[in-house]
Amino acid sequence: MRVATVRDVGVLARRFRREQGLTQADLAERVGVGREWIVRLESGHPRLEAQKVLDTLFVLGLVLDVGQPSLAAEAGGQSGAPRTPRTDREATASAVHPLRSPKEDALDPFEALFSRRAR
């Protein structure tokens, strides 16, 4: 599954938790967090500790695999335009969420965490 937003991570976590027959309380106990933290994760809360999110995915038997877009995806609509993390993410987000506007993507919490700050 391609993940473009925190909400996508939550949907994925919920799906695998349910497939394994775990309650939110069961998963919370295994991860070492409270049930409310699992509720926030599954609802796509934008401010969760990254390590705990990774720990939760690990407990569910999932791994995070980061890669670059394929050459075919880059060729579609991006020819000649300079590539930036922002334009790459917008292309990925529109591929995953065709009804989502770029304005909604501007509120991406990962951008706030991992983008360079203007000095």
PDB file of N, CA and C in Angstrom:
ATOM      1  N   MET A   1       0.842  -1.176   0.000  1.00  0.00           N
ATOM      2  CA  MET A   1       0.000   0.000   0.000  1.00  0.00           C
ATOM      3  C   MET A   1       0.886   1.239   0.000  1.00  0.00           C
ATOM      4  N   ARG A   2       0.571   2.191  -0.842  1.00  0.00           N
ATOM      5  CA  ARG A   2       1.299   3.451  -0.866  1.00  0.00           C
ATOM      6  C   ARG A   2       0.702   4.363   0.203  1.00  0.00           C
ATOM      7  N   VAL A   3       1.569   4.929   1.017  1.00  0.00           N
ATOM      8  CA  VAL A   3       1.144   5.803   2.100  1.00  0.00           C
ATOM      9  C   VAL A   3       1.599   7.222   1.787  1.00  0.00           C
ATOM     10  N   ALA A   4       0.644   8.143   1.754  1.00  0.00           N
ATOM     11  CA  ALA A   4       0.968   9.540   1.449  1.00  0.00           C
ATOM     12  C   ALA A   4       0.623  10.485   2.595  1.00  0.00           C
ATOM     13  N   THR A   5      -0.173  10.024   3.558  1.00  0.00           N
ATOM     14  CA  THR A   5      -0.580  10.887   4.664  1.00  0.00           C
ATOM     15  C   THR A   5      -0.558  10.107   5.969  1.00  0.00           C
ATOM     16  N   VAL A   6      -0.623  10.844   7.061  1.00  0.00           N
ATOM     17  CA  VAL A   6      -0.707  10.208   8.380  1.00  0.00           C
ATOM     18  C   VAL A   6      -2.015   9.418   8.485  1.00  0.00           C
ATOM     19  N   ARG A   7      -3.053   9.924   7.868  1.00  0.00           N
ATOM     20  CA  ARG A   7      -4.337   9.212   7.871  1.00  0.00           C
ATOM     21  C   ARG A   7      -4.187   7.838   7.209  1.00  0.00           C
ATOM     22  N   ASP A   8      -3.385   7.757   6.129  1.00  0.00           N
ATOM     23  CA  ASP A   8      -3.144   6.470   5.470  1.00  0.00           C
ATOM     24  C   ASP A   8      -2.469   5.479   6.415  1.00  0.00           C
ATOM     25  N   VAL A   9      -1.530   5.973   7.227  1.00  0.00           N
ATOM     26  CA  VAL A   9      -0.864   5.111   8.212  1.00  0.00           C
ATOM     27  C   VAL A   9      -1.893   4.579   9.203  1.00  0.00           C
ATOM     28  N   GLY A  10      -2.784   5.448   9.647  1.00  0.00           N
ATOM     29  CA  GLY A  10      -3.821   5.034  10.593  1.00  0.00           C
ATOM     30  C   GLY A  10      -4.756   3.989  10.019  1.00  0.00           C
ATOM     31  N   VAL A  11      -5.163   4.181   8.768  1.00  0.00           N
ATOM     32  CA  VAL A  11      -6.043   3.215   8.108  1.00  0.00           C
ATOM     33  C   VAL A  11      -5.346   1.862   7.996  1.00  0.00           C
ATOM     34  N   LEU A  12      -4.087   1.898   7.631  1.00  0.00           N
ATOM     35  CA  LEU A  12      -3.303   0.672   7.503  1.00  0.00           C
ATOM     36  C   LEU A  12      -3.175  -0.038   8.853  1.00  0.00           C
ATOM     37  N   ALA A  13      -2.872   0.714   9.901  1.00  0.00           N
ATOM     38  CA  ALA A  13      -2.731   0.130  11.240  1.00  0.00           C
ATOM     39  C   ALA A  13      -4.049  -0.494  11.694  1.00  0.00           C
ATOM     40  N   ARG A  14      -5.146   0.214  11.488  1.00  0.00           N
ATOM     41  CA  ARG A  14      -6.458  -0.314  11.884  1.00  0.00           C
ATOM     42  C   ARG A  14      -6.773  -1.617  11.141  1.00  0.00           C
ATOM     43  N   ARG A  15      -6.526  -1.601   9.834  1.00  0.00           N
ATOM     44  CA  ARG A  15      -6.826  -2.784   9.025  1.00  0.00           C
ATOM     45  C   ARG A  15      -6.051  -4.010   9.519  1.00  0.00           C
ATOM     46  N   PHE A  16      -4.749  -3.844   9.745  1.00  0.00           N
ATOM     47  CA  PHE A  16      -3.947  -4.985  10.180  1.00  0.00           C
ATOM     48  C   PHE A  16      -4.267  -5.384  11.619  1.00  0.00           C
ATOM     49  N   ARG A  17      -4.598  -4.419  12.466  1.00  0.00           N
ATOM     50  CA  ARG A  17      -4.994  -4.761  13.852  1.00  0.00           C
ATOM     51  C   ARG A  17      -6.231  -5.632  13.831  1.00  0.00           C
ATOM     52  N   ARG A  18      -7.214  -5.227  13.041  1.00  0.00           N
ATOM     53  CA  ARG A  18      -8.464  -5.995  12.961  1.00  0.00           C
ATOM     54  C   ARG A  18      -8.247  -7.370  12.347  1.00  0.00           C
ATOM     55  N   GLU A  19      -7.406  -7.435  11.302  1.00  0.00           N
ATOM     56  CA  GLU A  19      -7.121  -8.730  10.675  1.00  0.00           C
ATOM     57  C   GLU A  19      -6.489  -9.710  11.661  1.00  0.00           C
ATOM     58  N   GLN A  20      -5.741  -9.181  12.624  1.00  0.00           N
ATOM     59  CA  GLN A  20      -5.092 -10.036  13.622  1.00  0.00           C
ATOM     60  C   GLN A  20      -5.982 -10.294  14.836  1.00  0.00           C
ATOM     61  N   GLY A  21      -7.189  -9.737  14.812  1.00  0.00           N
ATOM     62  CA  GLY A  21      -8.129  -9.965  15.903  1.00  0.00           C
ATOM     63  C   GLY A  21      -7.773  -9.254  17.192  1.00  0.00           C
ATOM     64  N   LEU A  22      -7.028  -8.176  17.087  1.00  0.00           N
ATOM     65  CA  LEU A  22      -6.622  -7.427  18.275  1.00  0.00           C
ATOM     66  C   LEU A  22      -7.580  -6.270  18.529  1.00  0.00           C
ATOM     67  N   THR A  23      -7.816  -6.001  19.787  1.00  0.00           N
ATOM     68  CA  THR A  23      -8.551  -4.786  20.147  1.00  0.00           C
ATOM     69  C   THR A  23      -7.550  -3.645  20.229  1.00  0.00           C
ATOM     70  N   GLN A  24      -8.057  -2.432  20.301  1.00  0.00           N
ATOM     71  CA  GLN A  24      -7.159  -1.292  20.490  1.00  0.00           C
ATOM     72  C   GLN A  24      -6.398  -1.430  21.799  1.00  0.00           C
ATOM     73  N   ALA A  25      -7.059  -1.926  22.830  1.00  0.00           N
ATOM     74  CA  ALA A  25      -6.402  -2.112  24.133  1.00  0.00           C
ATOM     75  C   ALA A  25      -5.293  -3.160  24.039  1.00  0.00           C
ATOM     76  N   ASP A  26      -5.549  -4.259  23.303  1.00  0.00           N
ATOM     77  CA  ASP A  26      -4.519  -5.297  23.121  1.00  0.00           C
ATOM     78  C   ASP A  26      -3.276  -4.721  22.446  1.00  0.00           C
ATOM     79  N   LEU A  27      -3.505  -3.987  21.363  1.00  0.00           N
ATOM     80  CA  LEU A  27      -2.388  -3.401  20.618  1.00  0.00           C
ATOM     81  C   LEU A  27      -1.646  -2.387  21.488  1.00  0.00           C
ATOM     82  N   ALA A  28      -2.385  -1.564  22.211  1.00  0.00           N
ATOM     83  CA  ALA A  28      -1.769  -0.565  23.079  1.00  0.00           C
ATOM     84  C   ALA A  28      -0.853  -1.225  24.109  1.00  0.00           C
ATOM     85  N   GLU A  29      -1.303  -2.314  24.681  1.00  0.00           N
ATOM     86  CA  GLU A  29      -0.499  -3.024  25.679  1.00  0.00           C
ATOM     87  C   GLU A  29       0.792  -3.558  25.053  1.00  0.00           C
ATOM     88  N   ARG A  30       0.696  -4.124  23.861  1.00  0.00           N
ATOM     89  CA  ARG A  30       1.878  -4.679  23.196  1.00  0.00           C
ATOM     90  C   ARG A  30       2.881  -3.592  22.802  1.00  0.00           C
ATOM     91  N   VAL A  31       2.377  -2.414  22.448  1.00  0.00           N
ATOM     92  CA  VAL A  31       3.252  -1.317  22.036  1.00  0.00           C
ATOM     93  C   VAL A  31       3.792  -0.549  23.246  1.00  0.00           C
ATOM     94  N   GLY A  32       3.046  -0.594  24.341  1.00  0.00           N
ATOM     95  CA  GLY A  32       3.456   0.138  25.541  1.00  0.00           C
ATOM     96  C   GLY A  32       2.922   1.556  25.577  1.00  0.00           C
ATOM     97  N   VAL A  33       1.724   1.733  25.019  1.00  0.00           N
ATOM     98  CA  VAL A  33       1.059   3.036  25.019  1.00  0.00           C
ATOM     99  C   VAL A  33      -0.355   2.844  25.545  1.00  0.00           C
ATOM    100  N   GLY A  34      -1.069   3.941  25.724  1.00  0.00           N
ATOM    101  CA  GLY A  34      -2.465   3.866  26.141  1.00  0.00           C
ATOM    102  C   GLY A  34      -3.384   3.638  24.950  1.00  0.00           C
ATOM    103  N   ARG A  35      -4.582   3.154  25.211  1.00  0.00           N
ATOM    104  CA  ARG A  35      -5.547   2.910  24.134  1.00  0.00           C
ATOM    105  C   ARG A  35      -5.869   4.193  23.376  1.00  0.00           C
ATOM    106  N   GLU A  36      -5.908   5.315  24.078  1.00  0.00           N
ATOM    107  CA  GLU A  36      -6.200   6.592  23.417  1.00  0.00           C
ATOM    108  C   GLU A  36      -5.146   6.943  22.371  1.00  0.00           C
ATOM    109  N   TRP A  37      -3.897   6.537  22.597  1.00  0.00           N
ATOM    110  CA  TRP A  37      -2.857   6.788  21.614  1.00  0.00           C
ATOM    111  C   TRP A  37      -3.155   6.006  20.332  1.00  0.00           C
ATOM    112  N   ILE A  38      -3.610   4.761  20.483  1.00  0.00           N
ATOM    113  CA  ILE A  38      -3.979   3.942  19.318  1.00  0.00           C
ATOM    114  C   ILE A  38      -5.163   4.579  18.592  1.00  0.00           C
ATOM    115  N   VAL A  39      -6.123   5.099  19.330  1.00  0.00           N
ATOM    116  CA  VAL A  39      -7.266   5.789  18.728  1.00  0.00           C
ATOM    117  C   VAL A  39      -6.773   6.969  17.891  1.00  0.00           C
ATOM    118  N   ARG A  40      -5.842   7.739  18.435  1.00  0.00           N
ATOM    119  CA  ARG A  40      -5.309   8.897  17.698  1.00  0.00           C
ATOM    120  C   ARG A  40      -4.550   8.454  16.450  1.00  0.00           C
ATOM    121  N   LEU A  41      -3.765   7.387  16.565  1.00  0.00           N
ATOM    122  CA  LEU A  41      -3.046   6.859  15.403  1.00  0.00           C
ATOM    123  C   LEU A  41      -4.024   6.451  14.302  1.00  0.00           C
ATOM    124  N   GLU A  42      -5.027   5.669  14.672  1.00  0.00           N
ATOM    125  CA  GLU A  42      -5.974   5.147  13.686  1.00  0.00           C
ATOM    126  C   GLU A  42      -6.833   6.247  13.064  1.00  0.00           C
ATOM    127  N   SER A  43      -6.978   7.363  13.753  1.00  0.00           N
ATOM    128  CA  SER A  43      -7.769   8.458  13.193  1.00  0.00           C
ATOM    129  C   SER A  43      -6.902   9.448  12.417  1.00  0.00           C
ATOM    130  N   GLY A  44      -5.600   9.185  12.336  1.00  0.00           N
ATOM    131  CA  GLY A  44      -4.721  10.029  11.544  1.00  0.00           C
ATOM    132  C   GLY A  44      -4.263  11.294  12.230  1.00  0.00           C
ATOM    133  N   HIS A  45      -4.164  11.255  13.549  1.00  0.00           N
ATOM    134  CA  HIS A  45      -3.712  12.434  14.306  1.00  0.00           C
ATOM    135  C   HIS A  45      -2.321  12.842  13.819  1.00  0.00           C
ATOM    136  N   PRO A  46      -2.120  14.123  13.543  1.00  0.00           N
ATOM    137  CA  PRO A  46      -0.874  14.557  12.917  1.00  0.00           C
ATOM    138  C   PRO A  46       0.339  14.675  13.837  1.00  0.00           C
ATOM    139  N   ARG A  47       0.159  14.596  15.128  1.00  0.00           N
ATOM    140  CA  ARG A  47       1.298  14.822  16.021  1.00  0.00           C
ATOM    141  C   ARG A  47       1.526  13.629  16.955  1.00  0.00           C
ATOM    142  N   LEU A  48       1.995  12.549  16.360  1.00  0.00           N
ATOM    143  CA  LEU A  48       2.339  11.370  17.134  1.00  0.00           C
ATOM    144  C   LEU A  48       3.840  11.143  17.030  1.00  0.00           C
ATOM    145  N   GLU A  49       4.423  10.614  18.084  1.00  0.00           N
ATOM    146  CA  GLU A  49       5.857  10.355  18.092  1.00  0.00           C
ATOM    147  C   GLU A  49       6.196   9.315  17.022  1.00  0.00           C
ATOM    148  N   ALA A  50       7.108   9.673  16.131  1.00  0.00           N
ATOM    149  CA  ALA A  50       7.449   8.812  14.990  1.00  0.00           C
ATOM    150  C   ALA A  50       7.920   7.431  15.441  1.00  0.00           C
ATOM    151  N   GLN A  51       8.734   7.347  16.487  1.00  0.00           N
ATOM    152  CA  GLN A  51       9.235   6.043  16.928  1.00  0.00           C
ATOM    153  C   GLN A  51       8.103   5.142  17.408  1.00  0.00           C
ATOM    154  N   LYS A  52       7.127   5.718  18.091  1.00  0.00           N
ATOM    155  CA  LYS A  52       5.994   4.910  18.542  1.00  0.00           C
ATOM    156  C   LYS A  52       5.170   4.420  17.360  1.00  0.00           C
ATOM    157  N   VAL A  53       5.046   5.252  16.328  1.00  0.00           N
ATOM    158  CA  VAL A  53       4.336   4.818  15.125  1.00  0.00           C
ATOM    159  C   VAL A  53       5.079   3.639  14.506  1.00  0.00           C
ATOM    160  N   LEU A  54       6.399   3.742  14.393  1.00  0.00           N
ATOM    161  CA  LEU A  54       7.196   2.637  13.850  1.00  0.00           C
ATOM    162  C   LEU A  54       7.096   1.390  14.728  1.00  0.00           C
ATOM    163  N   ASP A  55       7.105   1.575  16.039  1.00  0.00           N
ATOM    164  CA  ASP A  55       6.954   0.444  16.963  1.00  0.00           C
ATOM    165  C   ASP A  55       5.609  -0.250  16.752  1.00  0.00           C
ATOM    166  N   THR A  56       4.567   0.544  16.554  1.00  0.00           N
ATOM    167  CA  THR A  56       3.231  -0.015  16.339  1.00  0.00           C
ATOM    168  C   THR A  56       3.198  -0.813  15.048  1.00  0.00           C
ATOM    169  N   LEU A  57       3.774  -0.273  13.998  1.00  0.00           N
ATOM    170  CA  LEU A  57       3.824  -1.002  12.729  1.00  0.00           C
ATOM    171  C   LEU A  57       4.586  -2.312  12.894  1.00  0.00           C
ATOM    172  N   PHE A  58       5.686  -2.282  13.643  1.00  0.00           N
ATOM    173  CA  PHE A  58       6.478  -3.486  13.880  1.00  0.00           C
ATOM    174  C   PHE A  58       5.660  -4.539  14.623  1.00  0.00           C
ATOM    175  N   VAL A  59       4.944  -4.125  15.660  1.00  0.00           N
ATOM    176  CA  VAL A  59       4.112  -5.052  16.429  1.00  0.00           C
ATOM    177  C   VAL A  59       3.055  -5.697  15.523  1.00  0.00           C
ATOM    178  N   LEU A  60       2.574  -4.931  14.546  1.00  0.00           N
ATOM    179  CA  LEU A  60       1.568  -5.449  13.610  1.00  0.00           C
ATOM    180  C   LEU A  60       2.187  -6.280  12.492  1.00  0.00           C
ATOM    181  N   GLY A  61       3.529  -6.405  12.504  1.00  0.00           N
ATOM    182  CA  GLY A  61       4.200  -7.192  11.476  1.00  0.00           C
ATOM    183  C   GLY A  61       4.438  -6.422  10.189  1.00  0.00           C
ATOM    184  N   LEU A  62       4.439  -5.095  10.275  1.00  0.00           N
ATOM    185  CA  LEU A  62       4.636  -4.256   9.103  1.00  0.00           C
ATOM    186  C   LEU A  62       5.990  -3.565   9.193  1.00  0.00           C
ATOM    187  N   VAL A  63       6.535  -3.206   8.042  1.00  0.00           N
ATOM    188  CA  VAL A  63       7.767  -2.431   7.986  1.00  0.00           C
ATOM    189  C   VAL A  63       7.538  -1.225   7.095  1.00  0.00           C
ATOM    190  N   LEU A  64       8.296  -0.186   7.347  1.00  0.00           N
ATOM    191  CA  LEU A  64       8.240   1.014   6.527  1.00  0.00           C
ATOM    192  C   LEU A  64       9.332   0.901   5.479  1.00  0.00           C
ATOM    193  N   ASP A  65       8.956   0.921   4.217  1.00  0.00           N
ATOM    194  CA  ASP A  65       9.897   0.797   3.112  1.00  0.00           C
ATOM    195  C   ASP A  65       9.818   2.079   2.300  1.00  0.00           C
ATOM    196  N   VAL A  66      10.865   2.880   2.337  1.00  0.00           N
ATOM    197  CA  VAL A  66      10.867   4.169   1.657  1.00  0.00           C
ATOM    198  C   VAL A  66      11.606   4.022   0.341  1.00  0.00           C
ATOM    199  N   GLY A  67      11.021   4.544  -0.714  1.00  0.00           N
ATOM    200  CA  GLY A  67      11.662   4.464  -2.014  1.00  0.00           C
ATOM    201  C   GLY A  67      11.335   5.669  -2.857  1.00  0.00           C
ATOM    202  N   GLN A  68      12.015   5.764  -3.981  1.00  0.00           N
ATOM    203  CA  GLN A  68      11.774   6.847  -4.916  1.00  0.00           C
ATOM    204  C   GLN A  68      10.670   6.446  -5.879  1.00  0.00           C
ATOM    205  N   PRO A  69       9.969   7.441  -6.419  1.00  0.00           N
ATOM    206  CA  PRO A  69       8.941   7.134  -7.415  1.00  0.00           C
ATOM    207  C   PRO A  69       9.583   6.458  -8.621  1.00  0.00           C
ATOM    208  N   SER A  70       8.823   5.625  -9.311  1.00  0.00           N
ATOM    209  CA  SER A  70       9.358   4.931 -10.480  1.00  0.00           C
ATOM    210  C   SER A  70       9.590   5.919 -11.611  1.00  0.00           C
ATOM    211  N   LEU A  71      10.432   5.556 -12.555  1.00  0.00           N
ATOM    212  CA  LEU A  71      10.710   6.421 -13.697  1.00  0.00           C
ATOM    213  C   LEU A  71       9.449   6.676 -14.507  1.00  0.00           C
ATOM    214  N   ALA A  72       8.570   5.700 -14.603  1.00  0.00           N
ATOM    215  CA  ALA A  72       7.323   5.879 -15.350  1.00  0.00           C
ATOM    216  C   ALA A  72       6.449   6.937 -14.680  1.00  0.00           C
ATOM    217  N   ALA A  73       6.399   6.931 -13.368  1.00  0.00           N
ATOM    218  CA  ALA A  73       5.589   7.920 -12.651  1.00  0.00           C
ATOM    219  C   ALA A  73       6.188   9.307 -12.805  1.00  0.00           C
ATOM    220  N   GLU A  74       7.533   9.388 -12.826  1.00  0.00           N
ATOM    221  CA  GLU A  74       8.188  10.682 -12.989  1.00  0.00           C
ATOM    222  C   GLU A  74       7.903  11.265 -14.364  1.00  0.00           C
ATOM    223  N   ALA A  75       7.826  10.426 -15.380  1.00  0.00           N
ATOM    224  CA  ALA A  75       7.624  10.904 -16.745  1.00  0.00           C
ATOM    225  C   ALA A  75       6.220  11.466 -16.939  1.00  0.00           C
ATOM    226  N   GLY A  76       5.261  10.995 -16.191  1.00  0.00           N
ATOM    227  CA  GLY A  76       3.881  11.427 -16.370  1.00  0.00           C
ATOM    228  C   GLY A  76       3.627  12.797 -15.800  1.00  0.00           C
ATOM    229  N   GLY A  77       3.602  13.833 -16.655  1.00  0.00           N
ATOM    230  CA  GLY A  77       3.216  15.162 -16.212  1.00  0.00           C
ATOM    231  C   GLY A  77       4.307  15.967 -15.545  1.00  0.00           C
ATOM    232  N   GLN A  78       5.490  15.429 -15.357  1.00  0.00           N
ATOM    233  CA  GLN A  78       6.544  16.160 -14.664  1.00  0.00           C
ATOM    234  C   GLN A  78       7.690  16.531 -15.599  1.00  0.00           C
ATOM    235  N   SER A  79       7.571  16.243 -16.910  1.00  0.00           N
ATOM    236  CA  SER A  79       8.696  16.470 -17.815  1.00  0.00           C
ATOM    237  C   SER A  79       9.070  17.939 -17.852  1.00  0.00           C
ATOM    238  N   GLY A  80      10.359  18.194 -17.712  1.00  0.00           N
ATOM    239  CA  GLY A  80      10.868  19.548 -17.789  1.00  0.00           C
ATOM    240  C   GLY A  80      10.730  20.344 -16.498  1.00  0.00           C
ATOM    241  N   ALA A  81       9.850  19.963 -15.625  1.00  0.00           N
ATOM    242  CA  ALA A  81       9.648  20.695 -14.379  1.00  0.00           C
ATOM    243  C   ALA A  81      10.700  20.261 -13.369  1.00  0.00           C
ATOM    244  N   PRO A  82      11.231  21.201 -12.589  1.00  0.00           N
ATOM    245  CA  PRO A  82      12.204  20.811 -11.573  1.00  0.00           C
ATOM    246  C   PRO A  82      11.545  19.950 -10.500  1.00  0.00           C
ATOM    247  N   ARG A  83      12.275  18.939 -10.051  1.00  0.00           N
ATOM    248  CA  ARG A  83      11.751  18.044  -9.024  1.00  0.00           C
ATOM    249  C   ARG A  83      12.115  18.591  -7.662  1.00  0.00           C
ATOM    250  N   THR A  84      11.137  18.613  -6.784  1.00  0.00           N
ATOM    251  CA  THR A  84      11.355  18.998  -5.395  1.00  0.00           C
ATOM    252  C   THR A  84      10.583  18.018  -4.534  1.00  0.00           C
ATOM    253  N   PRO A  85      10.925  17.905  -3.243  1.00  0.00           N
ATOM    254  CA  PRO A  85      10.126  17.025  -2.380  1.00  0.00           C
ATOM    255  C   PRO A  85       8.646  17.392  -2.408  1.00  0.00           C
ATOM    256  N   ARG A  86       8.358  18.670  -2.481  1.00  0.00           N
ATOM    257  CA  ARG A  86       6.960  19.111  -2.483  1.00  0.00           C
ATOM    258  C   ARG A  86       6.230  18.623  -3.737  1.00  0.00           C
ATOM    259  N   THR A  87       6.824  18.809  -4.927  1.00  0.00           N
ATOM    260  CA  THR A  87       6.142  18.393  -6.155  1.00  0.00           C
ATOM    261  C   THR A  87       6.038  16.874  -6.220  1.00  0.00           C
ATOM    262  N   ASP A  88       7.057  16.163  -5.741  1.00  0.00           N
ATOM    263  CA  ASP A  88       6.979  14.701  -5.713  1.00  0.00           C
ATOM    264  C   ASP A  88       5.845  14.243  -4.817  1.00  0.00           C
ATOM    265  N   ARG A  89       5.703  14.864  -3.626  1.00  0.00           N
ATOM    266  CA  ARG A  89       4.654  14.471  -2.690  1.00  0.00           C
ATOM    267  C   ARG A  89       3.286  14.808  -3.265  1.00  0.00           C
ATOM    268  N   GLU A  90       3.157  15.961  -3.933  1.00  0.00           N
ATOM    269  CA  GLU A  90       1.878  16.315  -4.535  1.00  0.00           C
ATOM    270  C   GLU A  90       1.491  15.302  -5.604  1.00  0.00           C
ATOM    271  N   ALA A  91       2.460  14.861  -6.406  1.00  0.00           N
ATOM    272  CA  ALA A  91       2.173  13.864  -7.434  1.00  0.00           C
ATOM    273  C   ALA A  91       1.728  12.559  -6.793  1.00  0.00           C
ATOM    274  N   THR A  92       2.413  12.144  -5.732  1.00  0.00           N
ATOM    275  CA  THR A  92       2.037  10.923  -5.030  1.00  0.00           C
ATOM    276  C   THR A  92       0.673  11.069  -4.384  1.00  0.00           C
ATOM    277  N   ALA A  93       0.428  12.198  -3.734  1.00  0.00           N
ATOM    278  CA  ALA A  93      -0.852  12.408  -3.057  1.00  0.00           C
ATOM    279  C   ALA A  93      -1.995  12.416  -4.057  1.00  0.00           C
ATOM    280  N   SER A  94      -1.814  13.048  -5.211  1.00  0.00           N
ATOM    281  CA  SER A  94      -2.902  13.074  -6.182  1.00  0.00           C
ATOM    282  C   SER A  94      -3.126  11.695  -6.778  1.00  0.00           C
ATOM    283  N   ALA A  95      -2.068  10.874  -6.849  1.00  0.00           N
ATOM    284  CA  ALA A  95      -2.240   9.520  -7.357  1.00  0.00           C
ATOM    285  C   ALA A  95      -3.009   8.663  -6.354  1.00  0.00           C
ATOM    286  N   VAL A  96      -2.766   8.885  -5.072  1.00  0.00           N
ATOM    287  CA  VAL A  96      -3.432   8.110  -4.037  1.00  0.00           C
ATOM    288  C   VAL A  96      -4.807   8.680  -3.725  1.00  0.00           C
ATOM    289  N   HIS A  97      -4.919   9.988  -3.702  1.00  0.00           N
ATOM    290  CA  HIS A  97      -6.152  10.671  -3.352  1.00  0.00           C
ATOM    291  C   HIS A  97      -6.538  11.637  -4.465  1.00  0.00           C
ATOM    292  N   PRO A  98      -7.146  11.137  -5.549  1.00  0.00           N
ATOM    293  CA  PRO A  98      -7.421  12.014  -6.684  1.00  0.00           C
ATOM    294  C   PRO A  98      -8.397  13.141  -6.368  1.00  0.00           C
ATOM    295  N   LEU A  99      -9.184  13.039  -5.305  1.00  0.00           N
ATOM    296  CA  LEU A  99     -10.161  14.083  -4.990  1.00  0.00           C
ATOM    297  C   LEU A  99      -9.622  15.119  -4.020  1.00  0.00           C
ATOM    298  N   ARG A 100      -8.415  14.902  -3.507  1.00  0.00           N
ATOM    299  CA  ARG A 100      -7.853  15.825  -2.529  1.00  0.00           C
ATOM    300  C   ARG A 100      -7.181  16.985  -3.251  1.00  0.00           C
ATOM    301  N   SER A 101      -7.403  18.171  -2.769  1.00  0.00           N
ATOM    302  CA  SER A 101      -6.821  19.357  -3.388  1.00  0.00           C
ATOM    303  C   SER A 101      -5.410  19.587  -2.856  1.00  0.00           C
ATOM    304  N   PRO A 102      -4.558  20.283  -3.623  1.00  0.00           N
ATOM    305  CA  PRO A 102      -3.211  20.599  -3.139  1.00  0.00           C
ATOM    306  C   PRO A 102      -3.232  21.420  -1.851  1.00  0.00           C
ATOM    307  N   LYS A 103      -4.289  22.227  -1.642  1.00  0.00           N
ATOM    308  CA  LYS A 103      -4.380  23.030  -0.426  1.00  0.00           C
ATOM    309  C   LYS A 103      -4.456  22.127   0.806  1.00  0.00           C
ATOM    310  N   GLU A 104      -5.193  21.008   0.696  1.00  0.00           N
ATOM    311  CA  GLU A 104      -5.276  20.077   1.822  1.00  0.00           C
ATOM    312  C   GLU A 104      -3.918  19.454   2.098  1.00  0.00           C
ATOM    313  N   ASP A 105      -3.154  19.180   1.044  1.00  0.00           N
ATOM    314  CA  ASP A 105      -1.838  18.578   1.205  1.00  0.00           C
ATOM    315  C   ASP A 105      -0.874  19.529   1.896  1.00  0.00           C
ATOM    316  N   ALA A 106      -1.114  20.836   1.800  1.00  0.00           N
ATOM    317  CA  ALA A 106      -0.227  21.818   2.407  1.00  0.00           C
ATOM    318  C   ALA A 106      -0.189  21.687   3.924  1.00  0.00           C
ATOM    319  N   LEU A 107      -1.168  21.031   4.514  1.00  0.00           N
ATOM    320  CA  LEU A 107      -1.222  20.855   5.957  1.00  0.00           C
ATOM    321  C   LEU A 107      -0.542  19.569   6.407  1.00  0.00           C
ATOM    322  N   ASP A 108       0.245  18.952   5.528  1.00  0.00           N
ATOM    323  CA  ASP A 108       0.914  17.692   5.806  1.00  0.00           C
ATOM    324  C   ASP A 108       1.856  17.838   6.996  1.00  0.00           C
ATOM    325  N   PRO A 109       1.638  17.106   8.086  1.00  0.00           N
ATOM    326  CA  PRO A 109       2.485  17.249   9.272  1.00  0.00           C
ATOM    327  C   PRO A 109       3.912  16.775   9.041  1.00  0.00           C
ATOM    328  N   PHE A 110       4.137  15.837   8.113  1.00  0.00           N
ATOM    329  CA  PHE A 110       5.493  15.387   7.862  1.00  0.00           C
ATOM    330  C   PHE A 110       6.331  16.501   7.240  1.00  0.00           C
ATOM    331  N   GLU A 111       5.682  17.395   6.475  1.00  0.00           N
ATOM    332  CA  GLU A 111       6.404  18.530   5.926  1.00  0.00           C
ATOM    333  C   GLU A 111       6.932  19.397   7.067  1.00  0.00           C
ATOM    334  N   ALA A 112       6.108  19.617   8.072  1.00  0.00           N
ATOM    335  CA  ALA A 112       6.527  20.438   9.203  1.00  0.00           C
ATOM    336  C   ALA A 112       7.686  19.788   9.957  1.00  0.00           C
ATOM    337  N   LEU A 113       7.692  18.456  10.021  1.00  0.00           N
ATOM    338  CA  LEU A 113       8.735  17.757  10.763  1.00  0.00           C
ATOM    339  C   LEU A 113      10.038  17.653   9.989  1.00  0.00           C
ATOM    340  N   PHE A 114       9.952  17.407   8.679  1.00  0.00           N
ATOM    341  CA  PHE A 114      11.141  17.026   7.939  1.00  0.00           C
ATOM    342  C   PHE A 114      11.617  18.051   6.902  1.00  0.00           C
ATOM    343  N   SER A 115      10.886  19.125   6.699  1.00  0.00           N
ATOM    344  CA  SER A 115      11.343  20.107   5.717  1.00  0.00           C
ATOM    345  C   SER A 115      12.367  21.041   6.350  1.00  0.00           C
ATOM    346  N   ARG A 116      13.169  21.649   5.507  1.00  0.00           N
ATOM    347  CA  ARG A 116      14.165  22.584   6.012  1.00  0.00           C
ATOM    348  C   ARG A 116      13.480  23.881   6.414  1.00  0.00           C
ATOM    349  N   ARG A 117      13.943  24.442   7.486  1.00  0.00           N
ATOM    350  CA  ARG A 117      13.392  25.712   7.948  1.00  0.00           C
ATOM    351  C   ARG A 117      14.137  26.855   7.285  1.00  0.00           C
ATOM    352  N   ALA A 118      13.376  27.863   6.874  1.00  0.00           N
ATOM    353  CA  ALA A 118      14.010  29.050   6.309  1.00  0.00           C
ATOM    354  C   ALA A 118      14.695  29.819   7.428  1.00  0.00           C
ATOM    355  N   ARG A 119      15.919  30.211   7.193  1.00  0.00           N
ATOM    356  CA  ARG A 119      16.667  30.923   8.241  1.00  0.00           C
ATOM    357  C   ARG A 119      16.981  32.311   7.807  1.00  0.00           C
TER     358      ARG A 119
END
